[in-house]
Amino acid sequence: MPITKRAIKKLRHDRKRAGTSDAVRAILRKLVKAARIAPSKKTVTTAFAALDKAANKHLIHKNKAARLKSRLSKLIAKK
C-alpha cells in the first residue's frame, strides 16, 4: 500500500482511470465482435469509429487499430 498522501491520491486516480479504460475496451471488443459476426456497413463504421477513438486515447496501439480495421474491411469486401 502507498505510504505518502500523494501516492494515496495517485492510486485513487489510477484506479478510476483504469475503470474507465476497461469500460471503453469492453465496448470496443463488443463492437468489433458484432462487426465480425454480422458485417454490414453500419456495424463496421461504428467499429471503425470506436477503434479510432481508442487509438487516439492511447488505449490501443494505432497499428492494432489499423490491423483490425483492415480485417473488418476485408469482411465487407467479401460480400
N, C-alpha and C. Protein backbone atom coordinates (compact mmCIF):
# COMPACT_ATOMS: atom_id res chain seq x y z
N MET A 1 0.84 -1.19 0.00
CA MET A 1 0.00 0.00 0.00
C MET A 1 0.88 1.25 0.00
N PRO A 2 0.39 2.32 -0.63
CA PRO A 2 1.17 3.55 -0.65
C PRO A 2 1.25 4.19 0.74
N ILE A 3 2.33 4.90 0.96
CA ILE A 3 2.57 5.48 2.27
C ILE A 3 2.27 6.98 2.27
N THR A 4 2.78 7.70 1.28
CA THR A 4 2.61 9.16 1.28
C THR A 4 1.22 9.55 0.83
N LYS A 5 0.81 10.79 1.17
CA LYS A 5 -0.51 11.29 0.79
C LYS A 5 -0.66 11.34 -0.73
N ARG A 6 0.39 11.80 -1.39
CA ARG A 6 0.35 11.94 -2.85
C ARG A 6 0.19 10.57 -3.51
N ALA A 7 0.86 9.56 -2.97
CA ALA A 7 0.78 8.21 -3.52
C ALA A 7 -0.62 7.64 -3.33
N ILE A 8 -1.26 7.97 -2.22
CA ILE A 8 -2.63 7.51 -1.97
C ILE A 8 -3.58 8.15 -2.99
N LYS A 9 -3.39 9.46 -3.22
CA LYS A 9 -4.23 10.16 -4.21
C LYS A 9 -4.00 9.60 -5.61
N LYS A 10 -2.74 9.32 -5.93
CA LYS A 10 -2.43 8.78 -7.25
C LYS A 10 -3.05 7.40 -7.45
N LEU A 11 -3.01 6.58 -6.43
CA LEU A 11 -3.62 5.26 -6.51
C LEU A 11 -5.11 5.38 -6.77
N ARG A 12 -5.76 6.31 -6.08
CA ARG A 12 -7.19 6.52 -6.27
C ARG A 12 -7.48 6.98 -7.71
N HIS A 13 -6.64 7.89 -8.20
CA HIS A 13 -6.79 8.39 -9.57
C HIS A 13 -6.55 7.29 -10.60
N ASP A 14 -5.51 6.49 -10.37
CA ASP A 14 -5.18 5.41 -11.30
C ASP A 14 -6.27 4.35 -11.37
N ARG A 15 -6.87 4.05 -10.21
CA ARG A 15 -7.96 3.06 -10.21
C ARG A 15 -9.16 3.57 -10.99
N LYS A 16 -9.47 4.85 -10.83
CA LYS A 16 -10.59 5.44 -11.56
C LYS A 16 -10.30 5.42 -13.06
N ARG A 17 -9.09 5.79 -13.43
CA ARG A 17 -8.71 5.81 -14.84
C ARG A 17 -8.73 4.40 -15.43
N ALA A 18 -8.28 3.42 -14.67
CA ALA A 18 -8.28 2.03 -15.15
C ALA A 18 -9.70 1.53 -15.35
N GLY A 19 -10.60 1.94 -14.46
CA GLY A 19 -12.01 1.55 -14.61
C GLY A 19 -12.62 2.08 -15.89
N THR A 20 -12.33 3.35 -16.21
CA THR A 20 -12.88 3.92 -17.44
C THR A 20 -12.25 3.26 -18.65
N SER A 21 -10.95 3.01 -18.60
CA SER A 21 -10.27 2.36 -19.73
C SER A 21 -10.83 0.97 -19.97
N ASP A 22 -11.07 0.23 -18.89
CA ASP A 22 -11.62 -1.11 -19.03
C ASP A 22 -13.01 -1.08 -19.64
N ALA A 23 -13.81 -0.09 -19.26
CA ALA A 23 -15.16 0.03 -19.81
C ALA A 23 -15.11 0.32 -21.30
N VAL A 24 -14.21 1.22 -21.70
CA VAL A 24 -14.08 1.57 -23.12
C VAL A 24 -13.59 0.37 -23.91
N ARG A 25 -12.63 -0.37 -23.34
CA ARG A 25 -12.12 -1.56 -24.03
C ARG A 25 -13.21 -2.61 -24.20
N ALA A 26 -14.06 -2.76 -23.19
CA ALA A 26 -15.14 -3.74 -23.27
C ALA A 26 -16.12 -3.36 -24.37
N ILE A 27 -16.46 -2.08 -24.46
CA ILE A 27 -17.35 -1.62 -25.53
C ILE A 27 -16.71 -1.85 -26.88
N LEU A 28 -15.41 -1.57 -26.97
CA LEU A 28 -14.68 -1.76 -28.22
C LEU A 28 -14.71 -3.22 -28.66
N ARG A 29 -14.43 -4.14 -27.71
CA ARG A 29 -14.47 -5.57 -28.04
C ARG A 29 -15.85 -5.99 -28.51
N LYS A 30 -16.89 -5.46 -27.85
CA LYS A 30 -18.26 -5.81 -28.21
C LYS A 30 -18.59 -5.35 -29.62
N LEU A 31 -18.18 -4.13 -29.97
CA LEU A 31 -18.46 -3.59 -31.30
C LEU A 31 -17.71 -4.35 -32.39
N VAL A 32 -16.44 -4.69 -32.12
CA VAL A 32 -15.65 -5.42 -33.12
C VAL A 32 -16.22 -6.82 -33.32
N LYS A 33 -16.63 -7.44 -32.22
CA LYS A 33 -17.21 -8.78 -32.32
C LYS A 33 -18.51 -8.75 -33.11
N ALA A 34 -19.34 -7.74 -32.86
CA ALA A 34 -20.60 -7.61 -33.59
C ALA A 34 -20.34 -7.39 -35.08
N ALA A 35 -19.31 -6.62 -35.40
CA ALA A 35 -18.98 -6.38 -36.81
C ALA A 35 -18.46 -7.64 -37.48
N ARG A 36 -17.77 -8.48 -36.72
CA ARG A 36 -17.28 -9.74 -37.30
C ARG A 36 -18.42 -10.72 -37.54
N ILE A 37 -19.36 -10.78 -36.60
CA ILE A 37 -20.46 -11.73 -36.72
C ILE A 37 -21.39 -11.36 -37.86
N ALA A 38 -21.80 -10.09 -37.90
CA ALA A 38 -22.71 -9.62 -38.95
C ALA A 38 -22.10 -8.40 -39.63
N PRO A 39 -21.19 -8.62 -40.59
CA PRO A 39 -20.52 -7.48 -41.21
C PRO A 39 -21.43 -6.71 -42.16
N SER A 40 -21.89 -5.56 -41.71
CA SER A 40 -22.66 -4.67 -42.57
C SER A 40 -21.98 -3.31 -42.52
N LYS A 41 -22.40 -2.45 -43.41
CA LYS A 41 -21.79 -1.11 -43.47
C LYS A 41 -21.92 -0.39 -42.13
N LYS A 42 -23.09 -0.50 -41.51
CA LYS A 42 -23.35 0.21 -40.26
C LYS A 42 -22.49 -0.32 -39.11
N THR A 43 -22.44 -1.64 -38.95
CA THR A 43 -21.67 -2.21 -37.83
C THR A 43 -20.18 -1.93 -37.98
N VAL A 44 -19.71 -2.01 -39.22
CA VAL A 44 -18.28 -1.80 -39.44
C VAL A 44 -17.91 -0.33 -39.21
N THR A 45 -18.76 0.60 -39.63
CA THR A 45 -18.43 2.01 -39.42
C THR A 45 -18.44 2.37 -37.93
N THR A 46 -19.36 1.79 -37.16
CA THR A 46 -19.34 2.07 -35.72
C THR A 46 -18.10 1.47 -35.07
N ALA A 47 -17.69 0.29 -35.53
CA ALA A 47 -16.47 -0.32 -35.01
C ALA A 47 -15.25 0.52 -35.39
N PHE A 48 -15.22 1.05 -36.61
CA PHE A 48 -14.12 1.91 -37.05
C PHE A 48 -14.01 3.14 -36.16
N ALA A 49 -15.16 3.75 -35.87
CA ALA A 49 -15.15 4.96 -35.04
C ALA A 49 -14.62 4.65 -33.64
N ALA A 50 -15.05 3.53 -33.08
CA ALA A 50 -14.60 3.15 -31.75
C ALA A 50 -13.10 2.84 -31.74
N LEU A 51 -12.62 2.18 -32.80
CA LEU A 51 -11.20 1.87 -32.90
C LEU A 51 -10.37 3.15 -33.00
N ASP A 52 -10.85 4.10 -33.79
CA ASP A 52 -10.11 5.36 -33.93
C ASP A 52 -10.06 6.12 -32.61
N LYS A 53 -11.18 6.16 -31.89
CA LYS A 53 -11.21 6.86 -30.61
C LYS A 53 -10.26 6.20 -29.61
N ALA A 54 -10.27 4.86 -29.58
CA ALA A 54 -9.40 4.14 -28.65
C ALA A 54 -7.93 4.37 -28.99
N ALA A 55 -7.61 4.43 -30.27
CA ALA A 55 -6.23 4.67 -30.68
C ALA A 55 -5.81 6.09 -30.34
N ASN A 56 -6.71 7.05 -30.51
CA ASN A 56 -6.38 8.44 -30.19
C ASN A 56 -6.18 8.64 -28.69
N LYS A 57 -6.90 7.88 -27.88
CA LYS A 57 -6.75 7.99 -26.43
C LYS A 57 -5.63 7.10 -25.90
N HIS A 58 -4.91 6.44 -26.80
CA HIS A 58 -3.79 5.55 -26.46
C HIS A 58 -4.24 4.35 -25.63
N LEU A 59 -5.48 3.91 -25.82
CA LEU A 59 -5.93 2.70 -25.14
C LEU A 59 -5.43 1.47 -25.88
N ILE A 60 -5.38 1.58 -27.21
CA ILE A 60 -4.77 0.53 -28.02
C ILE A 60 -3.77 1.19 -28.95
N HIS A 61 -2.85 0.43 -29.46
CA HIS A 61 -1.83 0.96 -30.36
C HIS A 61 -2.47 1.29 -31.70
N LYS A 62 -1.95 2.32 -32.37
CA LYS A 62 -2.53 2.75 -33.64
C LYS A 62 -2.41 1.66 -34.71
N ASN A 63 -1.34 0.86 -34.65
CA ASN A 63 -1.19 -0.21 -35.63
C ASN A 63 -2.19 -1.34 -35.38
N LYS A 64 -2.53 -1.57 -34.12
CA LYS A 64 -3.54 -2.58 -33.81
C LYS A 64 -4.89 -2.13 -34.35
N ALA A 65 -5.19 -0.84 -34.19
CA ALA A 65 -6.44 -0.31 -34.73
C ALA A 65 -6.46 -0.46 -36.25
N ALA A 66 -5.36 -0.16 -36.90
CA ALA A 66 -5.28 -0.27 -38.35
C ALA A 66 -5.44 -1.72 -38.79
N ARG A 67 -4.82 -2.65 -38.04
CA ARG A 67 -4.92 -4.06 -38.38
C ARG A 67 -6.35 -4.56 -38.27
N LEU A 68 -7.03 -4.18 -37.18
CA LEU A 68 -8.41 -4.61 -37.00
C LEU A 68 -9.32 -4.00 -38.06
N LYS A 69 -9.10 -2.73 -38.39
CA LYS A 69 -9.90 -2.06 -39.42
C LYS A 69 -9.71 -2.75 -40.77
N SER A 70 -8.48 -3.15 -41.05
CA SER A 70 -8.19 -3.83 -42.31
C SER A 70 -8.92 -5.17 -42.38
N ARG A 71 -8.90 -5.90 -41.29
CA ARG A 71 -9.56 -7.21 -41.28
C ARG A 71 -11.08 -7.07 -41.40
N LEU A 72 -11.62 -6.04 -40.77
CA LEU A 72 -13.07 -5.81 -40.87
C LEU A 72 -13.47 -5.39 -42.29
N SER A 73 -12.64 -4.58 -42.92
CA SER A 73 -13.00 -4.15 -44.27
C SER A 73 -12.87 -5.29 -45.28
N LYS A 74 -12.01 -6.26 -44.98
CA LYS A 74 -11.93 -7.45 -45.84
C LYS A 74 -13.24 -8.23 -45.79
N LEU A 75 -13.89 -8.26 -44.61
CA LEU A 75 -15.15 -8.97 -44.48
C LEU A 75 -16.24 -8.31 -45.32
N ILE A 76 -16.21 -6.98 -45.39
CA ILE A 76 -17.21 -6.28 -46.18
C ILE A 76 -16.95 -6.49 -47.66
N ALA A 77 -15.66 -6.55 -48.05
CA ALA A 77 -15.31 -6.72 -49.46
C ALA A 77 -15.76 -8.10 -49.97
N LYS A 78 -15.81 -9.10 -49.08
CA LYS A 78 -16.22 -10.44 -49.49
C LYS A 78 -17.69 -10.47 -49.91
N LYS A 79 -18.50 -9.60 -49.28
CA LYS A 79 -19.94 -9.61 -49.56
C LYS A 79 -20.28 -9.16 -50.93
